[in-house]
C-alpha atoms as a PDB file:
ATOM      1  CA  MET A   1      17.519  70.625  -9.991  1.00  0.00           C
ATOM      2  CA  LEU A   2      14.769  72.895  -8.665  1.00  0.00           C
ATOM      3  CA  LYS A   3      12.876  69.903  -7.254  1.00  0.00           C
ATOM      4  CA  ASN A   4      15.973  68.807  -5.277  1.00  0.00           C
ATOM      5  CA  GLN A   5      16.353  72.311  -3.843  1.00  0.00           C
ATOM      6  CA  ASP A   6      12.671  72.382  -2.827  1.00  0.00           C
ATOM      7  CA  ASN A   7      13.006  68.974  -1.149  1.00  0.00           C
ATOM      8  CA  SER A   8      16.114  70.120   0.718  1.00  0.00           C
ATOM      9  CA  ARG A   9      14.348  73.257   1.908  1.00  0.00           C
ATOM     10  CA  LEU A  10      11.343  71.259   3.051  1.00  0.00           C
ATOM     11  CA  LEU A  11      13.579  68.821   4.934  1.00  0.00           C
ATOM     12  CA  LEU A  12      15.413  71.692   6.636  1.00  0.00           C
ATOM     13  CA  LEU A  13      12.104  73.312   7.609  1.00  0.00           C
ATOM     14  CA  LEU A  14      10.911  70.004   9.068  1.00  0.00           C
ATOM     15  CA  ILE A  15      14.125  69.740  11.109  1.00  0.00           C
ATOM     16  CA  VAL A  16      13.569  73.278  12.442  1.00  0.00           C
ATOM     17  CA  LEU A  17       9.968  72.366  13.326  1.00  0.00           C
ATOM     18  CA  ALA A  18      11.055  69.153  15.046  1.00  0.00           C
ATOM     19  CA  LEU A  19      13.593  71.107  17.118  1.00  0.00           C
ATOM     20  CA  SER A  20      10.970  73.714  17.933  1.00  0.00           C
ATOM     21  CA  PHE A  21       8.437  71.113  19.106  1.00  0.00           C
ATOM     22  CA  THR A  22      11.086  69.254  21.117  1.00  0.00           C
ATOM     23  CA  VAL A  23      12.534  72.284  22.919  1.00  0.00           C
ATOM     24  CA  ARG A  24       9.085  73.716  23.645  1.00  0.00           C
ATOM     25  CA  GLY A  25       7.755  70.330  24.736  1.00  0.00           C
ATOM     26  CA  LEU A  26      10.569  69.842  27.234  1.00  0.00           C
ATOM     27  CA  THR A  27      10.139  73.404  28.485  1.00  0.00           C
ATOM     28  CA  MET A  28       6.368  72.889  28.772  1.00  0.00           C
ATOM     29  CA  ARG A  29       6.974  69.821  30.898  1.00  0.00           C
ATOM     30  CA  PHE A  30       9.253  71.796  33.211  1.00  0.00           C
ATOM     31  CA  VAL A  31       6.758  74.644  33.540  1.00  0.00           C
ATOM     32  CA  ARG A  32       3.882  72.187  34.095  1.00  0.00           C
ATOM     33  CA  ASP A  33       5.792  70.660  37.004  1.00  0.00           C
ATOM     34  CA  HIS A  34       6.093  74.147  38.520  1.00  0.00           C
ATOM     35  CA  LEU A  35       2.612  75.612  37.874  1.00  0.00           C
ATOM     36  CA  GLY A  36       1.809  75.450  41.591  1.00  0.00           C
ATOM     37  CA  ASP A  37       5.036  77.204  42.611  1.00  0.00           C
ATOM     38  CA  PRO A  38       4.664  81.036  42.659  1.00  0.00           C
ATOM     39  CA  SER A  39       8.434  81.454  42.380  1.00  0.00           C
ATOM     40  CA  TRP A  40       8.325  79.842  38.893  1.00  0.00           C
ATOM     41  CA  PHE A  41       4.844  80.724  37.654  1.00  0.00           C
ATOM     42  CA  GLN A  42       2.729  83.838  37.999  1.00  0.00           C
ATOM     43  CA  SER A  43      -0.151  81.897  39.450  1.00  0.00           C
ATOM     44  CA  GLY A  44      -1.894  85.015  40.767  1.00  0.00           C
ATOM     45  CA  THR A  45      -1.920  86.674  37.352  1.00  0.00           C
ATOM     46  CA  TYR A  46      -3.138  83.494  35.703  1.00  0.00           C
ATOM     47  CA  ALA A  47      -5.858  83.069  38.348  1.00  0.00           C
ATOM     48  CA  ARG A  48      -7.168  86.564  37.613  1.00  0.00           C
ATOM     49  CA  PHE A  49      -7.419  85.934  33.867  1.00  0.00           C
ATOM     50  CA  ASP A  50      -8.729  82.421  34.464  1.00  0.00           C
ATOM     51  CA  GLN A  51     -11.575  83.740  36.603  1.00  0.00           C
ATOM     52  CA  GLN A  52     -12.475  86.334  33.966  1.00  0.00           C
ATOM     53  CA  ALA A  53     -12.458  83.632  31.272  1.00  0.00           C
ATOM     54  CA  GLN A  54     -14.611  81.334  33.424  1.00  0.00           C
ATOM     55  CA  ASP A  55     -17.078  84.183  34.014  1.00  0.00           C
ATOM     56  CA  ILE A  56     -17.230  84.966  30.286  1.00  0.00           C
ATOM     57  CA  LEU A  57     -17.952  81.321  29.433  1.00  0.00           C
ATOM     58  CA  ASP A  58     -20.530  81.015  32.218  1.00  0.00           C
ATOM     59  CA  GLY A  59     -22.305  84.202  31.099  1.00  0.00           C
ATOM     60  CA  LYS A  60     -21.537  85.986  34.379  1.00  0.00           C
ATOM     61  CA  ALA A  61     -19.438  88.746  32.788  1.00  0.00           C
ATOM     62  CA  SER A  62     -18.898  90.531  29.515  1.00  0.00           C
ATOM     63  CA  ALA A  63     -15.471  90.598  27.973  1.00  0.00           C
ATOM     64  CA  PHE A  64     -15.789  94.244  26.974  1.00  0.00           C
ATOM     65  CA  TRP A  65     -18.110  95.824  29.522  1.00  0.00           C
ATOM     66  CA  ILE A  66     -17.668  96.364  33.263  1.00  0.00           C
ATOM     67  CA  ASP A  67     -21.107  96.372  34.901  1.00  0.00           C
ATOM     68  CA  ASP A  68     -20.005  97.842  38.236  1.00  0.00           C
ATOM     69  CA  PRO A  69     -18.379 101.311  37.909  1.00  0.00           C
ATOM     70  CA  ALA A  70     -16.831 100.829  41.362  1.00  0.00           C
ATOM     71  CA  ARG A  71     -14.708  97.933  40.001  1.00  0.00           C
ATOM     72  CA  THR A  72     -11.873 100.053  38.654  1.00  0.00           C
ATOM     73  CA  ASP A  73      -9.561  97.067  39.157  1.00  0.00           C
ATOM     74  CA  ALA A  74     -11.318  95.325  36.274  1.00  0.00           C
ATOM     75  CA  ALA A  75     -10.077  97.979  33.831  1.00  0.00           C
ATOM     76  CA  VAL A  76      -6.392  97.287  34.518  1.00  0.00           C
ATOM     77  CA  TYR A  77      -5.983  94.600  31.833  1.00  0.00           C
ATOM     78  CA  PRO A  78      -7.322  94.514  28.276  1.00  0.00           C
ATOM     79  CA  PRO A  79      -9.842  91.739  27.562  1.00  0.00           C
ATOM     80  CA  GLY A  80      -7.711  89.936  24.979  1.00  0.00           C
ATOM     81  CA  TYR A  81      -6.060  87.441  27.276  1.00  0.00           C
ATOM     82  CA  SER A  82      -9.271  86.515  29.070  1.00  0.00           C
ATOM     83  CA  LEU A  83     -10.857  86.013  25.657  1.00  0.00           C
ATOM     84  CA  TRP A  84      -7.887  83.863  24.592  1.00  0.00           C
ATOM     85  CA  LEU A  85      -8.311  81.670  27.662  1.00  0.00           C
ATOM     86  CA  ALA A  86     -12.071  81.450  27.130  1.00  0.00           C
ATOM     87  CA  PHE A  87     -11.483  80.466  23.498  1.00  0.00           C
ATOM     88  CA  VAL A  88      -8.965  77.753  24.441  1.00  0.00           C
ATOM     89  CA  TYR A  89     -11.254  76.447  27.198  1.00  0.00           C
ATOM     90  CA  LYS A  90     -14.210  76.327  24.797  1.00  0.00           C
ATOM     91  CA  VAL A  91     -12.307  74.629  21.969  1.00  0.00           C
ATOM     92  CA  THR A  92     -10.558  72.048  24.161  1.00  0.00           C
ATOM     93  CA  GLY A  93     -13.419  71.487  26.606  1.00  0.00           C
ATOM     94  CA  ASP A  94     -10.841  71.715  29.404  1.00  0.00           C
ATOM     95  CA  ARG A  95     -10.713  74.786  31.645  1.00  0.00           C
ATOM     96  CA  SER A  96      -7.169  74.388  32.908  1.00  0.00           C
ATOM     97  CA  ALA A  97      -3.711  75.892  32.606  1.00  0.00           C
ATOM     98  CA  GLN A  98      -2.534  72.615  31.083  1.00  0.00           C
ATOM     99  CA  ALA A  99      -5.008  72.959  28.204  1.00  0.00           C
ATOM    100  CA  VAL A 100      -3.687  76.464  27.518  1.00  0.00           C
ATOM    101  CA  GLN A 101      -0.138  75.134  27.690  1.00  0.00           C
ATOM    102  CA  ILE A 102      -0.791  72.424  25.110  1.00  0.00           C
ATOM    103  CA  VAL A 103      -2.468  74.803  22.656  1.00  0.00           C
ATOM    104  CA  GLN A 104       0.273  77.389  23.105  1.00  0.00           C
ATOM    105  CA  TRP A 105       2.960  74.692  22.772  1.00  0.00           C
ATOM    106  CA  VAL A 106       1.666  73.667  19.342  1.00  0.00           C
ATOM    107  CA  LEU A 107       1.059  77.205  18.090  1.00  0.00           C
ATOM    108  CA  ASP A 108       4.348  78.510  19.475  1.00  0.00           C
ATOM    109  CA  ALA A 109       6.304  75.667  17.875  1.00  0.00           C
ATOM    110  CA  LEU A 110       4.650  76.464  14.547  1.00  0.00           C
ATOM    111  CA  ALA A 111       5.301  80.194  15.042  1.00  0.00           C
ATOM    112  CA  VAL A 112       8.957  79.505  14.290  1.00  0.00           C
ATOM    113  CA  LEU A 113       7.796  79.375  10.679  1.00  0.00           C
ATOM    114  CA  LEU A 114       6.846  83.053  11.020  1.00  0.00           C
ATOM    115  CA  ILE A 115      10.439  83.787  12.007  1.00  0.00           C
ATOM    116  CA  VAL A 116      11.653  81.876   8.946  1.00  0.00           C
ATOM    117  CA  GLY A 117       9.223  83.879   6.803  1.00  0.00           C
ATOM    118  CA  VAL A 118      10.428  87.216   8.153  1.00  0.00           C
ATOM    119  CA  GLY A 119      14.087  86.332   7.582  1.00  0.00           C
ATOM    120  CA  ALA A 120      13.452  84.908   4.124  1.00  0.00           C
ATOM    121  CA  THR A 121      11.355  87.900   3.084  1.00  0.00           C
ATOM    122  CA  ALA A 122      13.806  90.475   4.421  1.00  0.00           C
ATOM    123  CA  PHE A 123      16.952  88.732   3.168  1.00  0.00           C
ATOM    124  CA  ASN A 124      16.854  85.193   1.742  1.00  0.00           C
ATOM    125  CA  PHE A 125      15.885  81.633   2.619  1.00  0.00           C
ATOM    126  CA  ARG A 126      19.241  80.836   4.231  1.00  0.00           C
ATOM    127  CA  VAL A 127      18.902  83.773   6.641  1.00  0.00           C
ATOM    128  CA  GLY A 128      15.273  82.841   7.368  1.00  0.00           C
ATOM    129  CA  LEU A 129      16.239  79.242   8.051  1.00  0.00           C
ATOM    130  CA  THR A 130      19.086  80.301  10.359  1.00  0.00           C
ATOM    131  CA  ALA A 131      16.742  82.638  12.242  1.00  0.00           C
ATOM    132  CA  GLY A 132      14.168  79.856  12.509  1.00  0.00           C
ATOM    133  CA  PHE A 133      16.785  77.403  13.779  1.00  0.00           C
ATOM    134  CA  LEU A 134      17.924  79.895  16.439  1.00  0.00           C
ATOM    135  CA  GLY A 135      14.305  80.667  17.321  1.00  0.00           C
ATOM    136  CA  ALA A 136      13.561  76.953  17.675  1.00  0.00           C
ATOM    137  CA  LEU A 137      16.409  76.564  20.170  1.00  0.00           C
ATOM    138  CA  ALA A 138      15.947  79.885  22.036  1.00  0.00           C
ATOM    139  CA  PRO A 139      15.207  79.173  25.717  1.00  0.00           C
ATOM    140  CA  VAL A 140      13.394  82.473  26.319  1.00  0.00           C
ATOM    141  CA  LEU A 141      11.051  81.931  23.375  1.00  0.00           C
ATOM    142  CA  ALA A 142      10.388  78.371  24.514  1.00  0.00           C
ATOM    143  CA  LEU A 143       9.662  79.535  28.052  1.00  0.00           C
ATOM    144  CA  ASN A 144       7.207  82.194  26.837  1.00  0.00           C
ATOM    145  CA  GLY A 145       5.385  79.637  24.698  1.00  0.00           C
ATOM    146  CA  ALA A 146       5.251  77.052  27.482  1.00  0.00           C
ATOM    147  CA  THR A 147       3.935  79.475  30.092  1.00  0.00           C
ATOM    148  CA  PRO A 148       0.153  79.894  29.906  1.00  0.00           C
ATOM    149  CA  LEU A 149       0.221  83.698  29.956  1.00  0.00           C
ATOM    150  CA  ALA A 150      -0.313  86.404  27.321  1.00  0.00           C
ATOM    151  CA  ASP A 151       3.308  86.768  26.198  1.00  0.00           C
ATOM    152  CA  ALA A 152       3.421  84.068  23.506  1.00  0.00           C
ATOM    153  CA  PRO A 153       0.132  84.910  21.727  1.00  0.00           C
ATOM    154  CA  THR A 154       1.112  88.586  21.684  1.00  0.00           C
ATOM    155  CA  GLY A 155       4.483  87.701  20.186  1.00  0.00           C
ATOM    156  CA  TRP A 156       2.862  85.681  17.376  1.00  0.00           C
ATOM    157  CA  LEU A 157       0.717  88.670  16.459  1.00  0.00           C
ATOM    158  CA  ILE A 158       3.697  91.048  16.427  1.00  0.00           C
ATOM    159  CA  VAL A 159       5.867  88.751  14.282  1.00  0.00           C
ATOM    160  CA  SER A 160       2.925  88.230  11.902  1.00  0.00           C
ATOM    161  CA  GLY A 161       2.522  92.004  11.672  1.00  0.00           C
ATOM    162  CA  VAL A 162       6.226  92.472  10.945  1.00  0.00           C
ATOM    163  CA  TRP A 163       6.078  89.838   8.206  1.00  0.00           C
ATOM    164  CA  LEU A 164       3.030  91.478   6.637  1.00  0.00           C
ATOM    165  CA  LEU A 165       4.747  94.869   6.807  1.00  0.00           C
ATOM    166  CA  LEU A 166       7.775  93.430   4.988  1.00  0.00           C
ATOM    167  CA  LEU A 167       5.486  91.889   2.371  1.00  0.00           C
ATOM    168  CA  ALA A 168       3.654  95.224   1.986  1.00  0.00           C
ATOM    169  CA  TRP A 169       6.950  96.974   1.382  1.00  0.00           C
ATOM    170  CA  LYS A 170       8.367  94.359  -1.016  1.00  0.00           C
ATOM    171  CA  LYS A 171       5.184  93.687  -3.004  1.00  0.00           C
ATOM    172  CA  GLU A 172       3.614  97.154  -2.594  1.00  0.00           C
ATOM    173  CA  LYS A 173       0.312  95.659  -1.458  1.00  0.00           C
ATOM    174  CA  LEU A 174      -1.984  97.843   0.609  1.00  0.00           C
ATOM    175  CA  TRP A 175      -3.860  94.880   2.118  1.00  0.00           C
ATOM    176  CA  CYS A 176      -0.585  93.627   3.615  1.00  0.00           C
ATOM    177  CA  ALA A 177       0.029  97.011   5.267  1.00  0.00           C
ATOM    178  CA  VAL A 178      -3.529  97.086   6.636  1.00  0.00           C
ATOM    179  CA  GLY A 179      -3.105  93.516   7.862  1.00  0.00           C
ATOM    180  CA  ALA A 180       0.169  94.458   9.570  1.00  0.00           C
ATOM    181  CA  GLY A 181      -1.596  97.254  11.424  1.00  0.00           C
ATOM    182  CA  ALA A 182      -4.441  94.946  12.380  1.00  0.00           C
ATOM    183  CA  PHE A 183      -2.039  92.343  13.826  1.00  0.00           C
ATOM    184  CA  VAL A 184      -0.077  94.936  15.791  1.00  0.00           C
ATOM    185  CA  GLY A 185      -3.336  96.461  17.025  1.00  0.00           C
ATOM    186  CA  ALA A 186      -4.654  93.039  18.063  1.00  0.00           C
ATOM    187  CA  SER A 187      -1.465  92.414  20.026  1.00  0.00           C
ATOM    188  CA  CYS A 188      -2.323  95.354  22.259  1.00  0.00           C
END
């Protein structure tokens, strides 16, 4: 009986993942078609982070240090997103918004499992599965994941931190609480 229940749960999780990949894939395609249109995509913001990431990879700039004290504009944004772009560019070998989109599409589709984990930990598997199903279909979540900006990666870190905080509370594990703080801190 337990094996049947496990198989059913796995099948339901796979359906949620398939929905998540499909909705995010279609949304990614829409956003990709509009990357050059400033009314649909924050191309100026992306260009700023892209240039910082390019400079980091080319050894022209440090991610954490501003060499010219007159460049106060460089201190406006934290280095995390430029580092994320540099990491994606390095791993994929492609320095483009499309490469970031593809990586974020996969990770964001899988992040629905974090939502399932939070719901299942806080309540039960049925609630987690329902939350995951709604998260897989949510247009705003899909749009954030398909847009190559900092919103989706930050969201994954926050949801991971929330899940770890729930686990710390339920299992009374200090390492989970420390991990939760680390994820929330990294999101900043």
